[in-house]
Amino acid sequence: MFRFILKRLFYGFLVLLGVVTIVFFLFNVLPADPARMMLGQRADISSIEAVNKELGRDKPLSIQYLTYLNDISPISFHNASNTKSTWYLNPSNYDVKMSFSFGDDDKVLVLKSPYLRRSYQSQRKVSEVLAEAIPLTALLAFVSIIIASMLGIVIGVLSALYKDGIFDKATLVLSVFGMSLPSFFAAILIAWIFAFILSEFTGLNMFGSLYAVDDFGDYFYIDIKNLILPAITLGIRPLAIVSELTRNSFLDVLSQDYIRTAKAKGLSKTAIIMKHALKNALNPIISAISGWFASLLAGAVFVEYVFDWKGLGVVMVDGLEKFDFPVVMGTLLFISVVLVLINIFVDIAYALLDPRVIIE
């Protein structure tokens, strides 16, 4: 088991390294000039060269890549005293937890928080920008997956119990529609219907985040109703998946011998469903839900942008519009880390539930 976990961690590391490499070279071959964006269009050449030097963009691309890997790694090597060094341990950039000197006194091995660079526009650390957006995206994804899971399981069970009936056929049609509906189109459609046409009845807003400001701009307050439409929109696709997966899994369990034995013993239909069928049908559903929760973090980009929910989606789109590459790169890396970690967790959970999946 320990070997299996190490293997999955190693594969996850390779995936993250590939993502980091692609993201770095993709955003560093683009023609945009960060120094000019920071200084304005009327900046002189000497100022632009000074900023590029400060950002390390005057170095060869290979050195920039190694420096970026060193910055985002929790364990990195630095120069503690030479401020002109590419590897200088700048205390304003790095949140150092522990450091160890080796060789010369200037060389240190550092345990730190990953440094995702600074925003070209605001000069804030990217980690600080993401720290404000991540809780909102996590809240949206969590509420969406809860809605999708609860409704999907109930709908799937009812579809299996009334197989080939009107409800089952209607559920199949709606599930196919939900799986094929693009998230950005669903967001626009739902916002238009429930927050524009039916606004007098629903009282919902087309735009708004968790925190709102009063009409006079005096104080902020939590406006929970702004969460309703984005959560429903983001949960449409996992709802369709979970309902169909529950239906198929439940029908498979109902055909097992122990269910027929339970019926022969005279157990009530409710007892058979709740104590025997549903419990055994939930295993593949739980695995699918865990995977979809990670996907919602990435899929929330379009939904958040349409509803102006101030999460990772809005941060990423704003970064793309302003060519604020460190913010976009940091967002992509965070989403990649979450996807990889959850996939590793699911693989380990599979191995614990069924040791046969472990291949030595």
Foldseek 3Di string as FASTA:
>chain_A
DVVLLVVLVVVLVVVLVVLLVCLLVVLLPDPDQLLCLLVDVPDDPVSSVVVCLVVVVVDPSVVVSVLLVQQQDQKHKAFDPDPNDSRYPDVVQWAFDDWDADDDNRIIITGTHRFLAAWSHPRHGLVVLQVVFAVQLLVLLVLLLVVLQVLLLVLLVVCQVVPPDPSVVVLLVQLVVLQPDQLLVLLVVLLCVCAPVVCVPNVAHQADAQWDADPVRPDIDGDCSLSPSLSNSLNSNSSSVSNNLSNVLLNVQCPDPVLVVCVVVPDDPVCSVPVPRNVRSCVVSVLVSLLVSLVSSVSSLSNCVRRVHRHLNVQLVVCVVSVRSSNNSVSSSVSSSSNSVSVSVSVVVVCVVPVVVDDD
